[in-house]
Amino acid sequence: MGSAVSSLSLAGFTAPWFFLYLLIVAAAVVVYIFIQRSRTRRVLRFANMPLLEQVAEGRKPRRWRHLPAALLVAALALLTTAMAGPTHDIRIPRNRAVVMLVIDVSESMTATDVAPSRIIAAREAGKHFTDLLTPGINLGLVKFSSGATLLVAPTTDHDQVKQAIDRLVPEPRTATGEGIFTALQAIATTGAVMGGGDGPPPARIVLESDGKETVPPDLDAPRGAFTAARAAKEQGVPISTISFGTKDGVVEIDGQSIPVPTDDESLAEIAELSGGQAFQAGSLDELKRAYATLDQQIGYQVVRGDASAGWIALGALALALSVGAGILLNRRLPS
């Protein structure tokens, strides 16, 4: 009964007109009060007052004599609420959806500000995200550096995605826009062949990167990241970005130490332009938490479901207590 009671809801009734029956319950309460008062007046009118006083001294009115009736009224009110069809939010796993995981593999990902390195942590967290997703989701993988490559087309075989993540290695330069455009193309292709619903399946891009786009240097260029984000918005595909790393990141290239701070601002702008959400992660644990949050948003959908069970359980309990109290206190059923 505990789980049923915990789902009590007073929102979204499917048949609110049932509450009109509460007028009958209220009328019954008025009639009960009237009968009780009338009974008291009749007793006082015809009773022998000296004798009544002697009896009253030996038999005080019972304080709880009206409890059975009160419980009966409560039961009727609770059961009426149940009949009105209350609903509540229910989270159910998505089965018809496409998620593209787009991971930056530029040389800046070799920085060790996140132990043991950004790229190794990214691989571990990416596989963790893959394990979290509900099995019915079509998951794809894109890597980007100087260009973008579709490593795994959207599939429900998540082990295939994990194997591809394990093979990610750093490469030169950062073409964030190309990564987004490649993911959008994969989503469009999958949506064109996927059935089981009206219109294309819901889709989301999860973009993990640590630095600013370098190819092209202008993010508003035709193949730039901001242009790609606007294209995603037009296609109804929000981009959730994860800025991974710290401002203190450094990589060694040709014997030189080159700072590679995270570019939180441009990644946040990509998310905003596309209608998605931006995350920042400066450690592996933070990255896993970001992915876990995304799983809750992406892997499930919220629908309205029946919430009458809790009200029925409480109504039945109140009715049973009313009967029990009537027998114990008044030696009869509630009336």
C-alpha atoms as a PDB file:
ATOM      1  CA  MET A   1       0.000   0.000   0.000  1.00  0.00           C
ATOM      2  CA  GLY A   2       2.919   2.360   0.612  1.00  0.00           C
ATOM      3  CA  SER A   3       3.781   2.665  -3.095  1.00  0.00           C
ATOM      4  CA  ALA A   4       0.149   3.309  -3.978  1.00  0.00           C
ATOM      5  CA  VAL A   5      -0.249   6.032  -1.378  1.00  0.00           C
ATOM      6  CA  SER A   6       2.985   7.675  -2.505  1.00  0.00           C
ATOM      7  CA  SER A   7       1.433   8.190  -5.969  1.00  0.00           C
ATOM      8  CA  LEU A   8      -1.440  10.372  -4.714  1.00  0.00           C
ATOM      9  CA  SER A   9      -2.125  13.210  -7.104  1.00  0.00           C
ATOM     10  CA  LEU A  10      -4.588  16.093  -7.255  1.00  0.00           C
ATOM     11  CA  ALA A  11      -3.846  17.171 -10.824  1.00  0.00           C
ATOM     12  CA  GLY A  12      -4.965  16.275 -14.306  1.00  0.00           C
ATOM     13  CA  PHE A  13      -8.308  14.594 -13.553  1.00  0.00           C
ATOM     14  CA  THR A  14      -9.805  12.720 -16.507  1.00  0.00           C
ATOM     15  CA  ALA A  15     -13.396  12.853 -15.180  1.00  0.00           C
ATOM     16  CA  PRO A  16     -13.615  15.848 -12.806  1.00  0.00           C
ATOM     17  CA  TRP A  17     -17.423  15.872 -13.005  1.00  0.00           C
ATOM     18  CA  PHE A  18     -17.378  12.976 -10.531  1.00  0.00           C
ATOM     19  CA  PHE A  19     -16.651  15.582  -7.867  1.00  0.00           C
ATOM     20  CA  LEU A  20     -20.312  16.580  -8.125  1.00  0.00           C
ATOM     21  CA  TYR A  21     -20.991  13.467  -6.057  1.00  0.00           C
ATOM     22  CA  LEU A  22     -19.322  15.263  -3.161  1.00  0.00           C
ATOM     23  CA  LEU A  23     -22.490  17.366  -2.985  1.00  0.00           C
ATOM     24  CA  ILE A  24     -24.361  14.173  -2.049  1.00  0.00           C
ATOM     25  CA  VAL A  25     -21.736  13.431   0.593  1.00  0.00           C
ATOM     26  CA  ALA A  26     -22.108  16.963   1.969  1.00  0.00           C
ATOM     27  CA  ALA A  27     -25.881  16.571   2.016  1.00  0.00           C
ATOM     28  CA  ALA A  28     -25.518  13.313   3.946  1.00  0.00           C
ATOM     29  CA  VAL A  29     -23.370  15.116   6.529  1.00  0.00           C
ATOM     30  CA  VAL A  30     -26.050  17.802   6.939  1.00  0.00           C
ATOM     31  CA  VAL A  31     -28.764  15.159   7.347  1.00  0.00           C
ATOM     32  CA  TYR A  32     -26.646  13.295   9.922  1.00  0.00           C
ATOM     33  CA  ILE A  33     -26.125  16.457  11.983  1.00  0.00           C
ATOM     34  CA  PHE A  34     -29.836  17.298  11.758  1.00  0.00           C
ATOM     35  CA  ILE A  35     -30.868  13.810  12.907  1.00  0.00           C
ATOM     36  CA  GLN A  36     -28.435  13.902  15.838  1.00  0.00           C
ATOM     37  CA  ARG A  37     -29.730  17.267  17.010  1.00  0.00           C
ATOM     38  CA  SER A  38     -33.370  16.254  16.543  1.00  0.00           C
ATOM     39  CA  ARG A  39     -32.787  13.105  18.565  1.00  0.00           C
ATOM     40  CA  THR A  40     -31.250  15.158  21.380  1.00  0.00           C
ATOM     41  CA  ARG A  41     -34.192  17.574  21.422  1.00  0.00           C
ATOM     42  CA  ARG A  42     -36.723  14.715  21.593  1.00  0.00           C
ATOM     43  CA  VAL A  43     -34.906  13.144  24.502  1.00  0.00           C
ATOM     44  CA  LEU A  44     -34.845  16.429  26.389  1.00  0.00           C
ATOM     45  CA  ARG A  45     -38.509  17.126  25.652  1.00  0.00           C
ATOM     46  CA  PHE A  46     -39.975  13.875  27.001  1.00  0.00           C
ATOM     47  CA  ALA A  47     -37.393  12.777  29.542  1.00  0.00           C
ATOM     48  CA  ASN A  48     -37.847  12.917  33.316  1.00  0.00           C
ATOM     49  CA  MET A  49     -35.201  15.551  34.045  1.00  0.00           C
ATOM     50  CA  PRO A  50     -34.285  14.412  37.584  1.00  0.00           C
ATOM     51  CA  LEU A  51     -34.002  10.847  36.350  1.00  0.00           C
ATOM     52  CA  LEU A  52     -32.038  11.968  33.267  1.00  0.00           C
ATOM     53  CA  GLU A  53     -29.591  13.853  35.461  1.00  0.00           C
ATOM     54  CA  GLN A  54     -29.022  10.760  37.581  1.00  0.00           C
ATOM     55  CA  VAL A  55     -28.431   8.644  34.486  1.00  0.00           C
ATOM     56  CA  ALA A  56     -26.137  11.285  32.985  1.00  0.00           C
ATOM     57  CA  GLU A  57     -23.969  11.271  36.101  1.00  0.00           C
ATOM     58  CA  GLY A  58     -23.365   7.558  35.675  1.00  0.00           C
ATOM     59  CA  ARG A  59     -23.043   7.537  31.893  1.00  0.00           C
ATOM     60  CA  LYS A  60     -21.059  10.357  30.279  1.00  0.00           C
ATOM     61  CA  PRO A  61     -21.520  10.905  26.514  1.00  0.00           C
ATOM     62  CA  ARG A  62     -18.914   8.984  24.573  1.00  0.00           C
ATOM     63  CA  ARG A  63     -16.430  11.342  22.958  1.00  0.00           C
ATOM     64  CA  TRP A  64     -15.753   9.088  19.958  1.00  0.00           C
ATOM     65  CA  ARG A  65     -19.318   8.091  19.091  1.00  0.00           C
ATOM     66  CA  HIS A  66     -19.259  10.138  15.849  1.00  0.00           C
ATOM     67  CA  LEU A  67     -15.936   8.702  14.668  1.00  0.00           C
ATOM     68  CA  PRO A  68     -17.481   5.897  12.549  1.00  0.00           C
ATOM     69  CA  ALA A  69     -19.641   8.391  10.666  1.00  0.00           C
ATOM     70  CA  ALA A  70     -16.660  10.711  10.117  1.00  0.00           C
ATOM     71  CA  LEU A  71     -14.600   7.839   8.728  1.00  0.00           C
ATOM     72  CA  LEU A  72     -17.448   6.854   6.441  1.00  0.00           C
ATOM     73  CA  VAL A  73     -17.624  10.391   5.052  1.00  0.00           C
ATOM     74  CA  ALA A  74     -13.862  10.384   4.538  1.00  0.00           C
ATOM     75  CA  ALA A  75     -14.082   7.052   2.694  1.00  0.00           C
ATOM     76  CA  LEU A  76     -16.775   8.397   0.378  1.00  0.00           C
ATOM     77  CA  ALA A  77     -14.727  11.511  -0.365  1.00  0.00           C
ATOM     78  CA  LEU A  78     -11.592   9.476  -1.094  1.00  0.00           C
ATOM     79  CA  LEU A  79     -13.404   7.033  -3.364  1.00  0.00           C
ATOM     80  CA  THR A  80     -15.076   9.928  -5.192  1.00  0.00           C
ATOM     81  CA  THR A  81     -11.639  11.418  -5.831  1.00  0.00           C
ATOM     82  CA  ALA A  82     -10.518   8.072  -7.238  1.00  0.00           C
ATOM     83  CA  MET A  83     -13.512   7.966  -9.590  1.00  0.00           C
ATOM     84  CA  ALA A  84     -12.595  11.431 -10.875  1.00  0.00           C
ATOM     85  CA  GLY A  85      -9.546   9.838 -12.504  1.00  0.00           C
ATOM     86  CA  PRO A  86      -6.511  11.584 -11.009  1.00  0.00           C
ATOM     87  CA  THR A  87      -3.307  11.340 -13.037  1.00  0.00           C
ATOM     88  CA  HIS A  88       0.371  11.886 -12.382  1.00  0.00           C
ATOM     89  CA  ASP A  89       3.630  11.985 -14.305  1.00  0.00           C
ATOM     90  CA  ILE A  90       5.144   8.595 -15.152  1.00  0.00           C
ATOM     91  CA  ARG A  91       8.638   8.183 -16.566  1.00  0.00           C
ATOM     92  CA  ILE A  92       8.854   5.424 -19.145  1.00  0.00           C
ATOM     93  CA  PRO A  93      11.888   4.335 -21.187  1.00  0.00           C
ATOM     94  CA  ARG A  94      12.135   5.648 -24.719  1.00  0.00           C
ATOM     95  CA  ASN A  95      12.299   3.048 -27.454  1.00  0.00           C
ATOM     96  CA  ARG A  96      11.932   5.137 -30.585  1.00  0.00           C
ATOM     97  CA  ALA A  97      14.670   7.742 -30.342  1.00  0.00           C
ATOM     98  CA  VAL A  98      18.048   8.543 -31.872  1.00  0.00           C
ATOM     99  CA  VAL A  99      21.028   9.810 -29.883  1.00  0.00           C
ATOM    100  CA  MET A 100      24.299  10.791 -31.533  1.00  0.00           C
ATOM    101  CA  LEU A 101      27.372  10.872 -29.312  1.00  0.00           C
ATOM    102  CA  VAL A 102      29.855  13.329 -30.853  1.00  0.00           C
ATOM    103  CA  ILE A 103      33.310  13.251 -29.241  1.00  0.00           C
ATOM    104  CA  ASP A 104      36.255  15.598 -29.769  1.00  0.00           C
ATOM    105  CA  VAL A 105      39.508  13.686 -30.376  1.00  0.00           C
ATOM    106  CA  SER A 106      41.748  16.679 -31.093  1.00  0.00           C
ATOM    107  CA  GLU A 107      45.316  16.743 -29.729  1.00  0.00           C
ATOM    108  CA  SER A 108      44.227  18.898 -26.799  1.00  0.00           C
ATOM    109  CA  MET A 109      42.502  15.795 -25.449  1.00  0.00           C
ATOM    110  CA  THR A 110      45.920  14.438 -24.445  1.00  0.00           C
ATOM    111  CA  ALA A 111      46.086  17.005 -21.639  1.00  0.00           C
ATOM    112  CA  THR A 112      46.464  15.446 -18.212  1.00  0.00           C
ATOM    113  CA  ASP A 113      44.610  18.054 -16.159  1.00  0.00           C
ATOM    114  CA  VAL A 114      41.961  15.332 -15.928  1.00  0.00           C
ATOM    115  CA  ALA A 115      43.601  12.105 -14.777  1.00  0.00           C
ATOM    116  CA  PRO A 116      44.894  10.048 -16.436  1.00  0.00           C
ATOM    117  CA  SER A 117      44.171  12.204 -19.515  1.00  0.00           C
ATOM    118  CA  ARG A 118      41.168  13.865 -21.102  1.00  0.00           C
ATOM    119  CA  ILE A 119      40.899  11.299 -23.894  1.00  0.00           C
ATOM    120  CA  ILE A 120      41.104   8.283 -21.583  1.00  0.00           C
ATOM    121  CA  ALA A 121      38.542   9.786 -19.196  1.00  0.00           C
ATOM    122  CA  ALA A 122      36.320  10.631 -22.168  1.00  0.00           C
ATOM    123  CA  ARG A 123      36.422   7.031 -23.348  1.00  0.00           C
ATOM    124  CA  GLU A 124      35.514   5.691 -19.910  1.00  0.00           C
ATOM    125  CA  ALA A 125      32.673   8.179 -19.422  1.00  0.00           C
ATOM    126  CA  GLY A 126      31.377   7.607 -22.941  1.00  0.00           C
ATOM    127  CA  LYS A 127      31.095   3.880 -22.330  1.00  0.00           C
ATOM    128  CA  HIS A 128      29.428   4.607 -18.994  1.00  0.00           C
ATOM    129  CA  PHE A 129      26.835   6.727 -20.809  1.00  0.00           C
ATOM    130  CA  THR A 130      26.298   3.927 -23.316  1.00  0.00           C
ATOM    131  CA  ASP A 131      25.595   1.495 -20.486  1.00  0.00           C
ATOM    132  CA  LEU A 132      23.114   3.916 -18.896  1.00  0.00           C
ATOM    133  CA  LEU A 133      20.942   4.405 -21.974  1.00  0.00           C
ATOM    134  CA  THR A 134      17.821   2.304 -22.275  1.00  0.00           C
ATOM    135  CA  PRO A 135      18.318  -0.613 -24.700  1.00  0.00           C
ATOM    136  CA  GLY A 136      15.707   0.573 -27.199  1.00  0.00           C
ATOM    137  CA  ILE A 137      17.472   3.831 -28.033  1.00  0.00           C
ATOM    138  CA  ASN A 138      19.347   4.011 -31.338  1.00  0.00           C
ATOM    139  CA  LEU A 139      22.811   5.278 -30.432  1.00  0.00           C
ATOM    140  CA  GLY A 140      25.409   6.460 -32.916  1.00  0.00           C
ATOM    141  CA  LEU A 141      28.997   7.711 -32.610  1.00  0.00           C
ATOM    142  CA  VAL A 142      30.867  10.492 -34.414  1.00  0.00           C
ATOM    143  CA  LYS A 143      34.455  11.553 -33.797  1.00  0.00           C
ATOM    144  CA  PHE A 144      35.877  14.856 -34.974  1.00  0.00           C
ATOM    145  CA  SER A 145      39.324  16.402 -35.264  1.00  0.00           C
ATOM    146  CA  SER A 146      40.398  18.058 -38.541  1.00  0.00           C
ATOM    147  CA  GLY A 147      37.250  16.493 -39.994  1.00  0.00           C
ATOM    148  CA  ALA A 148      34.443  14.275 -38.787  1.00  0.00           C
ATOM    149  CA  THR A 149      33.839  10.555 -39.174  1.00  0.00           C
ATOM    150  CA  LEU A 150      30.715   8.538 -38.530  1.00  0.00           C
ATOM    151  CA  LEU A 151      32.118   5.573 -36.618  1.00  0.00           C
ATOM    152  CA  VAL A 152      28.819   3.880 -35.796  1.00  0.00           C
ATOM    153  CA  ALA A 153      25.461   4.591 -37.424  1.00  0.00           C
ATOM    154  CA  PRO A 154      22.543   4.751 -34.960  1.00  0.00           C
ATOM    155  CA  THR A 155      21.912   1.259 -33.624  1.00  0.00           C
ATOM    156  CA  THR A 156      20.437  -0.508 -30.625  1.00  0.00           C
ATOM    157  CA  ASP A 157      23.641  -2.578 -30.449  1.00  0.00           C
ATOM    158  CA  HIS A 158      25.282  -0.422 -27.800  1.00  0.00           C
ATOM    159  CA  ASP A 159      28.216  -2.804 -27.431  1.00  0.00           C
ATOM    160  CA  GLN A 160      29.239  -1.843 -30.954  1.00  0.00           C
ATOM    161  CA  VAL A 161      29.378   1.798 -29.858  1.00  0.00           C
ATOM    162  CA  LYS A 162      31.443   0.924 -26.789  1.00  0.00           C
ATOM    163  CA  GLN A 163      33.963  -0.941 -28.924  1.00  0.00           C
ATOM    164  CA  ALA A 164      34.317   2.077 -31.217  1.00  0.00           C
ATOM    165  CA  ILE A 165      34.782   4.395 -28.232  1.00  0.00           C
ATOM    166  CA  ASP A 166      37.649   2.212 -27.035  1.00  0.00           C
ATOM    167  CA  ARG A 167      39.473   2.876 -30.318  1.00  0.00           C
ATOM    168  CA  LEU A 168      39.386   6.682 -30.088  1.00  0.00           C
ATOM    169  CA  VAL A 169      42.857   8.275 -30.302  1.00  0.00           C
ATOM    170  CA  PRO A 170      43.949  11.926 -30.486  1.00  0.00           C
ATOM    171  CA  GLU A 171      44.261  13.592 -33.908  1.00  0.00           C
ATOM    172  CA  PRO A 172      45.171  17.149 -35.023  1.00  0.00           C
ATOM    173  CA  ARG A 173      42.820  20.146 -35.053  1.00  0.00           C
ATOM    174  CA  THR A 174      39.154  20.641 -34.107  1.00  0.00           C
ATOM    175  CA  ALA A 175      36.258  20.749 -36.569  1.00  0.00           C
ATOM    176  CA  THR A 176      33.274  20.951 -34.235  1.00  0.00           C
ATOM    177  CA  GLY A 177      30.851  22.073 -36.919  1.00  0.00           C
ATOM    178  CA  GLU A 178      31.716  19.092 -39.102  1.00  0.00           C
ATOM    179  CA  GLY A 179      31.036  16.785 -36.177  1.00  0.00           C
ATOM    180  CA  ILE A 180      27.563  18.288 -35.725  1.00  0.00           C
ATOM    181  CA  PHE A 181      26.726  18.201 -39.446  1.00  0.00           C
ATOM    182  CA  THR A 182      27.821  14.563 -39.658  1.00  0.00           C
ATOM    183  CA  ALA A 183      25.596  13.669 -36.706  1.00  0.00           C
ATOM    184  CA  LEU A 184      22.633  15.504 -38.266  1.00  0.00           C
ATOM    185  CA  GLN A 185      23.093  13.560 -41.488  1.00  0.00           C
ATOM    186  CA  ALA A 186      23.112  10.268 -39.584  1.00  0.00           C
ATOM    187  CA  ILE A 187      19.940  11.276 -37.741  1.00  0.00           C
ATOM    188  CA  ALA A 188      18.183  12.216 -40.982  1.00  0.00           C
ATOM    189  CA  THR A 189      19.169   8.938 -42.619  1.00  0.00           C
ATOM    190  CA  THR A 190      17.953   6.906 -39.661  1.00  0.00           C
ATOM    191  CA  GLY A 191      14.705   8.851 -39.411  1.00  0.00           C
ATOM    192  CA  ALA A 192      13.964   8.226 -43.082  1.00  0.00           C
ATOM    193  CA  VAL A 193      13.976   4.450 -42.633  1.00  0.00           C
ATOM    194  CA  MET A 194      12.643   4.154 -39.080  1.00  0.00           C
ATOM    195  CA  GLY A 195       8.975   3.343 -38.696  1.00  0.00           C
ATOM    196  CA  GLY A 196       6.763   2.817 -35.690  1.00  0.00           C
ATOM    197  CA  GLY A 197       5.475   6.347 -35.252  1.00  0.00           C
ATOM    198  CA  ASP A 198       4.125   9.506 -36.808  1.00  0.00           C
ATOM    199  CA  GLY A 199       6.927  11.620 -38.189  1.00  0.00           C
ATOM    200  CA  PRO A 200      10.657  11.340 -37.527  1.00  0.00           C
ATOM    201  CA  PRO A 201      11.844   9.888 -34.229  1.00  0.00           C
ATOM    202  CA  PRO A 202      12.910  12.266 -31.447  1.00  0.00           C
ATOM    203  CA  ALA A 203      16.639  12.921 -31.664  1.00  0.00           C
ATOM    204  CA  ARG A 204      19.412  14.468 -29.588  1.00  0.00           C
ATOM    205  CA  ILE A 205      23.096  15.193 -30.099  1.00  0.00           C
ATOM    206  CA  VAL A 206      25.467  14.907 -27.135  1.00  0.00           C
ATOM    207  CA  LEU A 207      28.635  16.835 -27.941  1.00  0.00           C
ATOM    208  CA  GLU A 208      31.716  16.429 -25.759  1.00  0.00           C
ATOM    209  CA  SER A 209      34.649  18.735 -26.421  1.00  0.00           C
ATOM    210  CA  ASP A 210      37.390  20.551 -24.563  1.00  0.00           C
ATOM    211  CA  GLY A 211      38.368  23.367 -26.863  1.00  0.00           C
ATOM    212  CA  LYS A 212      37.385  25.958 -29.380  1.00  0.00           C
ATOM    213  CA  GLU A 213      36.817  25.072 -33.005  1.00  0.00           C
ATOM    214  CA  THR A 214      39.861  25.621 -35.242  1.00  0.00           C
ATOM    215  CA  VAL A 215      38.468  24.338 -38.560  1.00  0.00           C
ATOM    216  CA  PRO A 216      37.103  26.731 -39.694  1.00  0.00           C
ATOM    217  CA  PRO A 217      38.314  29.450 -37.324  1.00  0.00           C
ATOM    218  CA  ASP A 218      35.050  31.381 -37.790  1.00  0.00           C
ATOM    219  CA  LEU A 219      32.297  29.586 -35.892  1.00  0.00           C
ATOM    220  CA  ASP A 220      29.682  31.387 -38.028  1.00  0.00           C
ATOM    221  CA  ALA A 221      31.231  30.141 -41.292  1.00  0.00           C
ATOM    222  CA  PRO A 222      29.043  27.886 -43.498  1.00  0.00           C
ATOM    223  CA  ARG A 223      30.564  24.752 -41.883  1.00  0.00           C
ATOM    224  CA  GLY A 224      31.191  26.367 -38.513  1.00  0.00           C
ATOM    225  CA  ALA A 225      29.873  25.175 -35.151  1.00  0.00           C
ATOM    226  CA  PHE A 226      27.381  28.003 -34.675  1.00  0.00           C
ATOM    227  CA  THR A 227      25.979  27.483 -38.176  1.00  0.00           C
ATOM    228  CA  ALA A 228      25.649  23.770 -37.465  1.00  0.00           C
ATOM    229  CA  ALA A 229      23.879  24.529 -34.178  1.00  0.00           C
ATOM    230  CA  ARG A 230      21.335  26.694 -35.996  1.00  0.00           C
ATOM    231  CA  ALA A 231      20.791  23.888 -38.510  1.00  0.00           C
ATOM    232  CA  ALA A 232      20.160  21.494 -35.610  1.00  0.00           C
ATOM    233  CA  LYS A 233      17.604  23.925 -34.201  1.00  0.00           C
ATOM    234  CA  GLU A 234      15.790  24.045 -37.548  1.00  0.00           C
ATOM    235  CA  GLN A 235      15.672  20.258 -37.651  1.00  0.00           C
ATOM    236  CA  GLY A 236      14.401  19.986 -34.085  1.00  0.00           C
ATOM    237  CA  VAL A 237      17.559  18.327 -32.781  1.00  0.00           C
ATOM    238  CA  PRO A 238      18.822  19.915 -29.543  1.00  0.00           C
ATOM    239  CA  ILE A 239      22.532  19.658 -28.787  1.00  0.00           C
ATOM    240  CA  SER A 240      23.632  18.968 -25.226  1.00  0.00           C
ATOM    241  CA  THR A 241      27.244  20.080 -24.865  1.00  0.00           C
ATOM    242  CA  ILE A 242      29.764  18.949 -22.273  1.00  0.00           C
ATOM    243  CA  SER A 243      32.797  21.182 -21.806  1.00  0.00           C
ATOM    244  CA  PHE A 244      35.389  18.724 -20.525  1.00  0.00           C
ATOM    245  CA  GLY A 245      38.645  19.744 -18.843  1.00  0.00           C
ATOM    246  CA  THR A 246      39.959  22.736 -16.917  1.00  0.00           C
ATOM    247  CA  LYS A 247      41.400  26.141 -17.678  1.00  0.00           C
ATOM    248  CA  ASP A 248      44.864  24.797 -16.700  1.00  0.00           C
ATOM    249  CA  GLY A 249      45.178  22.147 -19.398  1.00  0.00           C
ATOM    250  CA  VAL A 250      48.539  21.887 -21.196  1.00  0.00           C
ATOM    251  CA  VAL A 251      49.791  19.615 -23.989  1.00  0.00           C
ATOM    252  CA  GLU A 252      53.325  18.913 -25.198  1.00  0.00           C
ATOM    253  CA  ILE A 253      53.741  19.357 -28.977  1.00  0.00           C
ATOM    254  CA  ASP A 254      57.204  19.284 -30.562  1.00  0.00           C
ATOM    255  CA  GLY A 255      58.813  19.886 -27.186  1.00  0.00           C
ATOM    256  CA  GLN A 256      56.679  22.917 -26.418  1.00  0.00           C
ATOM    257  CA  SER A 257      54.073  23.288 -23.691  1.00  0.00           C
ATOM    258  CA  ILE A 258      50.905  24.682 -25.222  1.00  0.00           C
ATOM    259  CA  PRO A 259      48.004  25.791 -23.016  1.00  0.00           C
ATOM    260  CA  VAL A 260      44.682  24.191 -23.965  1.00  0.00           C
ATOM    261  CA  PRO A 261      42.061  25.709 -21.661  1.00  0.00           C
ATOM    262  CA  THR A 262      38.475  24.633 -22.109  1.00  0.00           C
ATOM    263  CA  ASP A 263      36.253  26.898 -24.166  1.00  0.00           C
ATOM    264  CA  ASP A 264      33.106  26.844 -22.054  1.00  0.00           C
ATOM    265  CA  GLU A 265      31.627  29.903 -23.740  1.00  0.00           C
ATOM    266  CA  SER A 266      31.434  28.616 -27.314  1.00  0.00           C
ATOM    267  CA  LEU A 267      30.088  25.234 -26.209  1.00  0.00           C
ATOM    268  CA  ALA A 268      27.410  26.936 -24.121  1.00  0.00           C
ATOM    269  CA  GLU A 269      26.508  29.044 -27.170  1.00  0.00           C
ATOM    270  CA  ILE A 270      26.176  25.910 -29.316  1.00  0.00           C
ATOM    271  CA  ALA A 271      23.766  24.451 -26.769  1.00  0.00           C
ATOM    272  CA  GLU A 272      21.739  27.666 -26.576  1.00  0.00           C
ATOM    273  CA  LEU A 273      21.514  28.104 -30.361  1.00  0.00           C
ATOM    274  CA  SER A 274      20.228  24.555 -30.782  1.00  0.00           C
ATOM    275  CA  GLY A 275      17.834  24.575 -27.836  1.00  0.00           C
ATOM    276  CA  GLY A 276      19.917  22.174 -25.763  1.00  0.00           C
ATOM    277  CA  GLN A 277      21.653  22.301 -22.392  1.00  0.00           C
ATOM    278  CA  ALA A 278      25.289  22.987 -21.534  1.00  0.00           C
ATOM    279  CA  PHE A 279      27.324  21.101 -18.936  1.00  0.00           C
ATOM    280  CA  GLN A 280      30.822  21.615 -17.556  1.00  0.00           C
ATOM    281  CA  ALA A 281      32.990  18.785 -16.240  1.00  0.00           C
ATOM    282  CA  GLY A 282      36.433  19.233 -14.736  1.00  0.00           C
ATOM    283  CA  SER A 283      36.909  15.633 -13.638  1.00  0.00           C
ATOM    284  CA  LEU A 284      35.912  12.122 -14.588  1.00  0.00           C
ATOM    285  CA  ASP A 285      33.299  12.009 -11.820  1.00  0.00           C
ATOM    286  CA  GLU A 286      31.755  15.275 -13.006  1.00  0.00           C
ATOM    287  CA  LEU A 287      31.726  13.971 -16.561  1.00  0.00           C
ATOM    288  CA  LYS A 288      29.927  10.801 -15.471  1.00  0.00           C
ATOM    289  CA  ARG A 289      27.396  12.882 -13.544  1.00  0.00           C
ATOM    290  CA  ALA A 290      26.746  14.995 -16.632  1.00  0.00           C
ATOM    291  CA  TYR A 291      26.175  11.866 -18.681  1.00  0.00           C
ATOM    292  CA  ALA A 292      23.891  10.445 -15.979  1.00  0.00           C
ATOM    293  CA  THR A 293      21.789  13.613 -16.062  1.00  0.00           C
ATOM    294  CA  LEU A 294      21.573  13.400 -19.827  1.00  0.00           C
ATOM    295  CA  ASP A 295      20.486   9.783 -19.596  1.00  0.00           C
ATOM    296  CA  GLN A 296      17.568  10.807 -17.391  1.00  0.00           C
ATOM    297  CA  GLN A 297      16.568  13.467 -19.910  1.00  0.00           C
ATOM    298  CA  ILE A 298      17.134  11.442 -23.063  1.00  0.00           C
ATOM    299  CA  GLY A 299      16.428   7.861 -22.047  1.00  0.00           C
ATOM    300  CA  TYR A 300      12.977   8.480 -20.605  1.00  0.00           C
ATOM    301  CA  GLN A 301       9.836  10.362 -21.483  1.00  0.00           C
ATOM    302  CA  VAL A 302       7.186  11.681 -19.133  1.00  0.00           C
ATOM    303  CA  VAL A 303       3.559  10.744 -19.755  1.00  0.00           C
ATOM    304  CA  ARG A 304       0.412  11.172 -17.717  1.00  0.00           C
ATOM    305  CA  GLY A 305      -0.681   7.940 -16.050  1.00  0.00           C
ATOM    306  CA  ASP A 306      -3.494   6.769 -13.781  1.00  0.00           C
ATOM    307  CA  ALA A 307      -3.050   7.717 -10.111  1.00  0.00           C
ATOM    308  CA  SER A 308      -6.332   6.426  -8.697  1.00  0.00           C
ATOM    309  CA  ALA A 309      -4.820   3.396  -6.939  1.00  0.00           C
ATOM    310  CA  GLY A 310      -3.634   5.399  -3.944  1.00  0.00           C
ATOM    311  CA  TRP A 311      -7.029   7.054  -3.446  1.00  0.00           C
ATOM    312  CA  ILE A 312      -8.824   3.711  -3.741  1.00  0.00           C
ATOM    313  CA  ALA A 313      -6.492   2.177  -1.158  1.00  0.00           C
ATOM    314  CA  LEU A 314      -7.064   5.019   1.297  1.00  0.00           C
ATOM    315  CA  GLY A 315     -10.826   4.956   0.675  1.00  0.00           C
ATOM    316  CA  ALA A 316     -10.996   1.233   1.321  1.00  0.00           C
ATOM    317  CA  LEU A 317      -8.933   1.643   4.490  1.00  0.00           C
ATOM    318  CA  ALA A 318     -11.183   4.447   5.761  1.00  0.00           C
ATOM    319  CA  LEU A 319     -14.274   2.348   5.000  1.00  0.00           C
ATOM    320  CA  ALA A 320     -12.884  -0.650   6.878  1.00  0.00           C
ATOM    321  CA  LEU A 321     -11.968   1.538   9.844  1.00  0.00           C
ATOM    322  CA  SER A 322     -15.450   3.054   9.798  1.00  0.00           C
ATOM    323  CA  VAL A 323     -17.078  -0.382  10.038  1.00  0.00           C
ATOM    324  CA  GLY A 324     -14.684  -1.492  12.750  1.00  0.00           C
ATOM    325  CA  ALA A 325     -15.151   1.681  14.788  1.00  0.00           C
ATOM    326  CA  GLY A 326     -18.952   1.423  14.487  1.00  0.00           C
ATOM    327  CA  ILE A 327     -18.966  -2.108  15.865  1.00  0.00           C
ATOM    328  CA  LEU A 328     -16.487  -1.410  18.659  1.00  0.00           C
ATOM    329  CA  LEU A 329     -17.815   1.974  19.797  1.00  0.00           C
ATOM    330  CA  ASN A 330     -21.542   1.893  19.048  1.00  0.00           C
ATOM    331  CA  ARG A 331     -22.190  -1.848  18.712  1.00  0.00           C
ATOM    332  CA  ARG A 332     -23.614  -1.289  15.221  1.00  0.00           C
ATOM    333  CA  LEU A 333     -22.618  -0.288  11.710  1.00  0.00           C
ATOM    334  CA  PRO A 334     -22.008   3.428  11.035  1.00  0.00           C
ATOM    335  CA  SER A 335     -25.179   5.443  10.468  1.00  0.00           C
END
